[in-house]
Amino acid sequence: MVDKLSGGQEQKVRFALATAGDSDLIVLDEPTTGMDVNARQAFWS
């Protein structure tokens, strides 16, 4: 279903899925790629 989302929306879904579990460590490789400026600033804050 995420193939119909924009790049930024897809990144947000990936981040949500990564943080939904009970992981001790999450490695994020360029997590804001494809996000617009406002989404990128909100992500980092």
PDB file of N, CA and C in Angstrom:
ATOM      1  N   MET A   1       0.813  -1.199   0.000  1.00  0.00           N
ATOM      2  CA  MET A   1       0.000   0.000   0.000  1.00  0.00           C
ATOM      3  C   MET A   1       0.858   1.264   0.000  1.00  0.00           C
ATOM      4  N   VAL A   2       2.078   1.199   0.512  1.00  0.00           N
ATOM      5  CA  VAL A   2       2.892   2.415   0.588  1.00  0.00           C
ATOM      6  C   VAL A   2       3.416   2.863  -0.770  1.00  0.00           C
ATOM      7  N   ASP A   3       3.281   2.032  -1.783  1.00  0.00           N
ATOM      8  CA  ASP A   3       3.786   2.421  -3.101  1.00  0.00           C
ATOM      9  C   ASP A   3       2.988   3.565  -3.722  1.00  0.00           C
ATOM     10  N   LYS A   4       1.846   3.899  -3.129  1.00  0.00           N
ATOM     11  CA  LYS A   4       1.044   5.016  -3.628  1.00  0.00           C
ATOM     12  C   LYS A   4       1.306   6.303  -2.855  1.00  0.00           C
ATOM     13  N   LEU A   5       2.192   6.253  -1.859  1.00  0.00           N
ATOM     14  CA  LEU A   5       2.515   7.424  -1.052  1.00  0.00           C
ATOM     15  C   LEU A   5       3.661   8.205  -1.685  1.00  0.00           C
ATOM     16  N   SER A   6       3.802   9.451  -1.271  1.00  0.00           N
ATOM     17  CA  SER A   6       4.957  10.241  -1.714  1.00  0.00           C
ATOM     18  C   SER A   6       6.191   9.715  -1.001  1.00  0.00           C
ATOM     19  N   GLY A   7       7.358  10.152  -1.450  1.00  0.00           N
ATOM     20  CA  GLY A   7       8.606   9.715  -0.834  1.00  0.00           C
ATOM     21  C   GLY A   7       8.670  10.050   0.646  1.00  0.00           C
ATOM     22  N   GLY A   8       8.246  11.260   0.995  1.00  0.00           N
ATOM     23  CA  GLY A   8       8.268  11.682   2.393  1.00  0.00           C
ATOM     24  C   GLY A   8       7.298  10.898   3.244  1.00  0.00           C
ATOM     25  N   GLN A   9       6.120  10.628   2.699  1.00  0.00           N
ATOM     26  CA  GLN A   9       5.126   9.848   3.439  1.00  0.00           C
ATOM     27  C   GLN A   9       5.615   8.412   3.638  1.00  0.00           C
ATOM     28  N   GLU A  10       6.268   7.882   2.637  1.00  0.00           N
ATOM     29  CA  GLU A  10       6.807   6.529   2.742  1.00  0.00           C
ATOM     30  C   GLU A  10       7.884   6.463   3.827  1.00  0.00           C
ATOM     31  N   GLN A  11       8.730   7.479   3.905  1.00  0.00           N
ATOM     32  CA  GLN A  11       9.752   7.531   4.949  1.00  0.00           C
ATOM     33  C   GLN A  11       9.114   7.594   6.338  1.00  0.00           C
ATOM     34  N   LYS A  12       8.041   8.355   6.475  1.00  0.00           N
ATOM     35  CA  LYS A  12       7.347   8.450   7.760  1.00  0.00           C
ATOM     36  C   LYS A  12       6.789   7.093   8.178  1.00  0.00           C
ATOM     37  N   VAL A  13       6.255   6.353   7.217  1.00  0.00           N
ATOM     38  CA  VAL A  13       5.730   5.014   7.512  1.00  0.00           C
ATOM     39  C   VAL A  13       6.868   4.101   7.946  1.00  0.00           C
ATOM     40  N   ARG A  14       7.979   4.149   7.262  1.00  0.00           N
ATOM     41  CA  ARG A  14       9.135   3.317   7.632  1.00  0.00           C
ATOM     42  C   ARG A  14       9.616   3.648   9.037  1.00  0.00           C
ATOM     43  N   PHE A  15       9.673   4.927   9.360  1.00  0.00           N
ATOM     44  CA  PHE A  15      10.102   5.333  10.698  1.00  0.00           C
ATOM     45  C   PHE A  15       9.111   4.840  11.752  1.00  0.00           C
ATOM     46  N   ALA A  16       7.831   4.989  11.472  1.00  0.00           N
ATOM     47  CA  ALA A  16       6.804   4.524  12.419  1.00  0.00           C
ATOM     48  C   ALA A  16       6.918   3.020  12.641  1.00  0.00           C
ATOM     49  N   LEU A  17       7.126   2.270  11.579  1.00  0.00           N
ATOM     50  CA  LEU A  17       7.276   0.820  11.714  1.00  0.00           C
ATOM     51  C   LEU A  17       8.535   0.456  12.500  1.00  0.00           C
ATOM     52  N   ALA A  18       9.602   1.205  12.283  1.00  0.00           N
ATOM     53  CA  ALA A  18      10.853   0.931  12.995  1.00  0.00           C
ATOM     54  C   ALA A  18      10.721   1.188  14.490  1.00  0.00           C
ATOM     55  N   THR A  19       9.950   2.202  14.863  1.00  0.00           N
ATOM     56  CA  THR A  19       9.828   2.548  16.279  1.00  0.00           C
ATOM     57  C   THR A  19       8.645   1.861  16.953  1.00  0.00           C
ATOM     58  N   ALA A  20       7.807   1.164  16.206  1.00  0.00           N
ATOM     59  CA  ALA A  20       6.626   0.516  16.784  1.00  0.00           C
ATOM     60  C   ALA A  20       7.001  -0.695  17.629  1.00  0.00           C
ATOM     61  N   GLY A  21       8.087  -1.351  17.311  1.00  0.00           N
ATOM     62  CA  GLY A  21       8.495  -2.536  18.056  1.00  0.00           C
ATOM     63  C   GLY A  21       9.246  -2.177  19.326  1.00  0.00           C
ATOM     64  N   ASP A  22       9.747  -3.173  19.987  1.00  0.00           N
ATOM     65  CA  ASP A  22      10.483  -2.977  21.236  1.00  0.00           C
ATOM     66  C   ASP A  22      11.974  -3.212  20.999  1.00  0.00           C
ATOM     67  N   SER A  23      12.523  -2.503  20.014  1.00  0.00           N
ATOM     68  CA  SER A  23      13.922  -2.681  19.643  1.00  0.00           C
ATOM     69  C   SER A  23      14.842  -1.945  20.604  1.00  0.00           C
ATOM     70  N   ASP A  24      15.985  -2.554  20.871  1.00  0.00           N
ATOM     71  CA  ASP A  24      17.005  -1.898  21.691  1.00  0.00           C
ATOM     72  C   ASP A  24      17.836  -0.920  20.861  1.00  0.00           C
ATOM     73  N   LEU A  25      17.908  -1.174  19.569  1.00  0.00           N
ATOM     74  CA  LEU A  25      18.718  -0.342  18.682  1.00  0.00           C
ATOM     75  C   LEU A  25      18.015  -0.198  17.336  1.00  0.00           C
ATOM     76  N   ILE A  26      17.962   1.031  16.845  1.00  0.00           N
ATOM     77  CA  ILE A  26      17.413   1.305  15.515  1.00  0.00           C
ATOM     78  C   ILE A  26      18.467   2.086  14.745  1.00  0.00           C
ATOM     79  N   VAL A  27      18.842   1.604  13.585  1.00  0.00           N
ATOM     80  CA  VAL A  27      19.813   2.277  12.731  1.00  0.00           C
ATOM     81  C   VAL A  27      19.046   2.970  11.616  1.00  0.00           C
ATOM     82  N   LEU A  28      19.174   4.281  11.550  1.00  0.00           N
ATOM     83  CA  LEU A  28      18.476   5.072  10.540  1.00  0.00           C
ATOM     84  C   LEU A  28      19.492   5.601   9.537  1.00  0.00           C
ATOM     85  N   ASP A  29      19.378   5.187   8.294  1.00  0.00           N
ATOM     86  CA  ASP A  29      20.264   5.643   7.239  1.00  0.00           C
ATOM     87  C   ASP A  29      19.521   6.688   6.419  1.00  0.00           C
ATOM     88  N   GLU A  30      19.847   7.937   6.644  1.00  0.00           N
ATOM     89  CA  GLU A  30      19.215   9.061   5.953  1.00  0.00           C
ATOM     90  C   GLU A  30      17.692   9.011   6.064  1.00  0.00           C
ATOM     91  N   PRO A  31      17.165   9.063   7.271  1.00  0.00           N
ATOM     92  CA  PRO A  31      15.724   8.911   7.475  1.00  0.00           C
ATOM     93  C   PRO A  31      14.874  10.050   6.908  1.00  0.00           C
ATOM     94  N   THR A  32      15.473  11.184   6.627  1.00  0.00           N
ATOM     95  CA  THR A  32      14.675  12.312   6.140  1.00  0.00           C
ATOM     96  C   THR A  32      14.747  12.489   4.622  1.00  0.00           C
ATOM     97  N   THR A  33      15.391  11.563   3.928  1.00  0.00           N
ATOM     98  CA  THR A  33      15.462  11.627   2.473  1.00  0.00           C
ATOM     99  C   THR A  33      14.058  11.555   1.897  1.00  0.00           C
ATOM    100  N   GLY A  34      13.731  12.481   1.046  1.00  0.00           N
ATOM    101  CA  GLY A  34      12.425  12.507   0.406  1.00  0.00           C
ATOM    102  C   GLY A  34      11.387  13.325   1.147  1.00  0.00           C
ATOM    103  N   MET A  35      11.716  13.767   2.364  1.00  0.00           N
ATOM    104  CA  MET A  35      10.763  14.573   3.131  1.00  0.00           C
ATOM    105  C   MET A  35      10.879  16.036   2.721  1.00  0.00           C
ATOM    106  N   ASP A  36       9.771  16.755   2.802  1.00  0.00           N
ATOM    107  CA  ASP A  36       9.835  18.181   2.542  1.00  0.00           C
ATOM    108  C   ASP A  36      10.462  18.881   3.754  1.00  0.00           C
ATOM    109  N   VAL A  37      10.761  20.147   3.625  1.00  0.00           N
ATOM    110  CA  VAL A  37      11.474  20.889   4.664  1.00  0.00           C
ATOM    111  C   VAL A  37      10.732  20.855   6.002  1.00  0.00           C
ATOM    112  N   ASN A  38       9.430  21.069   5.989  1.00  0.00           N
ATOM    113  CA  ASN A  38       8.666  21.083   7.239  1.00  0.00           C
ATOM    114  C   ASN A  38       8.654  19.722   7.910  1.00  0.00           C
ATOM    115  N   ALA A  39       8.477  18.678   7.129  1.00  0.00           N
ATOM    116  CA  ALA A  39       8.480  17.321   7.688  1.00  0.00           C
ATOM    117  C   ALA A  39       9.854  16.979   8.244  1.00  0.00           C
ATOM    118  N   ARG A  40      10.906  17.391   7.542  1.00  0.00           N
ATOM    119  CA  ARG A  40      12.276  17.125   8.003  1.00  0.00           C
ATOM    120  C   ARG A  40      12.541  17.823   9.341  1.00  0.00           C
ATOM    121  N   GLN A  41      12.132  19.077   9.469  1.00  0.00           N
ATOM    122  CA  GLN A  41      12.330  19.800  10.720  1.00  0.00           C
ATOM    123  C   GLN A  41      11.520  19.185  11.856  1.00  0.00           C
ATOM    124  N   ALA A  42      10.294  18.777  11.573  1.00  0.00           N
ATOM    125  CA  ALA A  42       9.469  18.126  12.600  1.00  0.00           C
ATOM    126  C   ALA A  42      10.075  16.797  13.021  1.00  0.00           C
ATOM    127  N   PHE A  43      10.605  16.052  12.083  1.00  0.00           N
ATOM    128  CA  PHE A  43      11.233  14.759  12.398  1.00  0.00           C
ATOM    129  C   PHE A  43      12.396  14.957  13.363  1.00  0.00           C
ATOM    130  N   TRP A  44      13.268  15.912  13.058  1.00  0.00           N
ATOM    131  CA  TRP A  44      14.449  16.106  13.886  1.00  0.00           C
ATOM    132  C   TRP A  44      14.127  16.760  15.221  1.00  0.00           C
ATOM    133  N   SER A  45      13.036  17.463  15.335  1.00  0.00           N
ATOM    134  CA  SER A  45      12.690  18.050  16.643  1.00  0.00           C
ATOM    135  C   SER A  45      11.992  17.006  17.489  1.00  0.00           C
TER     136      SER A  45
END
